[in-house]
């Protein structure tokens, strides 16, 4: 059985200029890269979906957004979800999921 979120990772980053799914996926990428709008555009152009972005090595990401941003993205994606270290409001969200 495939986990519900798995299919979402395989969907293209864009489903039209105003598509809700594209907006949600790009919003997720925006949370990873922060306020760097240029990096967001480059990542969306370089990777067809979130799964490809998640699977990219730090070197591959670095060719798209530079070494510092790539290291930050890989750290974010690879960091363990140690909810005991998270702020209280994030722990509550994790426990509710």
Protein backbone atom coordinates (compact mmCIF):
# COMPACT_ATOMS: atom_id res chain seq x y z
CA UNK A 1 0.00 0.00 0.00
CA UNK A 2 1.32 3.46 -0.91
CA UNK A 3 1.29 6.13 1.77
CA UNK A 4 -1.05 9.04 0.88
CA UNK A 5 1.76 11.64 0.79
CA UNK A 6 3.90 9.57 -1.58
CA UNK A 7 1.75 10.33 -4.62
CA UNK A 8 1.90 14.04 -3.84
CA UNK A 9 5.71 13.92 -4.08
CA UNK A 10 5.49 12.51 -7.61
CA UNK A 11 3.15 15.17 -8.98
CA UNK A 12 4.69 17.92 -11.12
CA UNK A 13 5.49 21.17 -9.37
CA UNK A 14 3.13 23.00 -11.72
CA UNK A 15 -0.47 22.22 -12.65
CA UNK A 16 -1.24 25.53 -14.29
CA UNK A 17 -0.54 29.09 -13.29
CA UNK A 18 -3.15 29.24 -10.55
CA UNK A 19 -3.50 25.58 -9.62
CA UNK A 20 -4.01 24.84 -5.93
CA UNK A 21 -1.70 21.82 -5.97
CA UNK A 22 1.11 23.76 -7.64
CA UNK A 23 0.67 26.50 -5.08
CA UNK A 24 0.91 24.01 -2.19
CA UNK A 25 3.98 22.27 -3.62
CA UNK A 26 5.77 25.52 -4.37
CA UNK A 27 4.83 26.76 -0.89
CA UNK A 28 6.58 23.71 0.54
CA UNK A 29 9.72 24.46 -1.48
CA UNK A 30 9.48 28.11 -0.39
CA UNK A 31 9.57 26.97 3.24
CA UNK A 32 12.77 25.06 2.52
CA UNK A 33 14.62 27.86 0.67
CA UNK A 34 13.26 30.78 2.70
CA UNK A 35 12.94 34.20 1.11
CA UNK A 36 15.20 33.42 -1.85
CA UNK A 37 12.70 33.73 -4.70
CA UNK A 38 15.41 33.17 -7.31
CA UNK A 39 16.32 29.83 -5.71
CA UNK A 40 12.66 28.83 -5.71
CA UNK A 41 12.38 29.52 -9.44
CA UNK A 42 15.63 27.67 -10.21
CA UNK A 43 14.61 24.62 -8.15
CA UNK A 44 11.18 24.47 -9.79
CA UNK A 45 12.83 24.65 -13.22
CA UNK A 46 15.51 22.06 -12.43
CA UNK A 47 13.40 19.38 -10.74
CA UNK A 48 10.12 18.03 -12.14
CA UNK A 49 8.63 17.21 -8.73
CA UNK A 50 9.32 17.18 -5.00
CA UNK A 51 10.51 13.56 -5.08
CA UNK A 52 13.27 14.49 -7.54
CA UNK A 53 14.27 17.45 -5.40
CA UNK A 54 14.32 15.31 -2.25
CA UNK A 55 16.44 12.66 -4.02
CA UNK A 56 18.98 15.18 -5.36
CA UNK A 57 22.44 15.10 -3.86
CA UNK A 58 23.95 18.18 -2.27
CA UNK A 59 26.15 18.50 -5.35
CA UNK A 60 23.15 18.42 -7.69
CA UNK A 61 21.32 20.99 -5.58
CA UNK A 62 24.49 23.08 -5.48
CA UNK A 63 24.59 23.34 -9.25
CA UNK A 64 21.11 24.87 -9.09
CA UNK A 65 21.16 27.10 -5.99
CA UNK A 66 24.81 27.28 -4.92
CA UNK A 67 26.72 25.37 -2.26
CA UNK A 68 25.46 27.20 0.84
CA UNK A 69 21.77 26.92 -0.04
CA UNK A 70 22.30 23.31 -1.15
CA UNK A 71 23.87 22.40 2.18
CA UNK A 72 21.00 24.09 4.02
CA UNK A 73 18.39 22.24 1.90
CA UNK A 74 20.08 18.84 2.33
CA UNK A 75 20.40 19.45 6.08
CA UNK A 76 16.70 20.28 6.28
CA UNK A 77 15.67 17.24 4.25
CA UNK A 78 18.01 14.83 6.05
CA UNK A 79 17.54 16.07 9.62
CA UNK A 80 15.91 13.55 11.92
CA UNK A 81 12.49 14.47 13.17
CA UNK A 82 13.43 14.61 16.82
CA UNK A 83 10.17 16.05 18.04
CA UNK A 84 11.48 16.27 21.60
CA UNK A 85 13.85 19.00 20.37
CA UNK A 86 11.17 20.91 18.51
CA UNK A 87 9.33 23.91 19.97
CA UNK A 88 6.18 23.00 21.88
CA UNK A 89 3.74 24.14 19.15
CA UNK A 90 5.53 21.98 16.55
CA UNK A 91 5.51 18.95 18.87
CA UNK A 92 1.75 19.39 19.27
CA UNK A 93 1.32 19.41 15.47
CA UNK A 94 3.46 16.29 15.09
CA UNK A 95 1.52 14.46 17.79
CA UNK A 96 -1.80 15.41 16.22
CA UNK A 97 -0.79 14.03 12.80
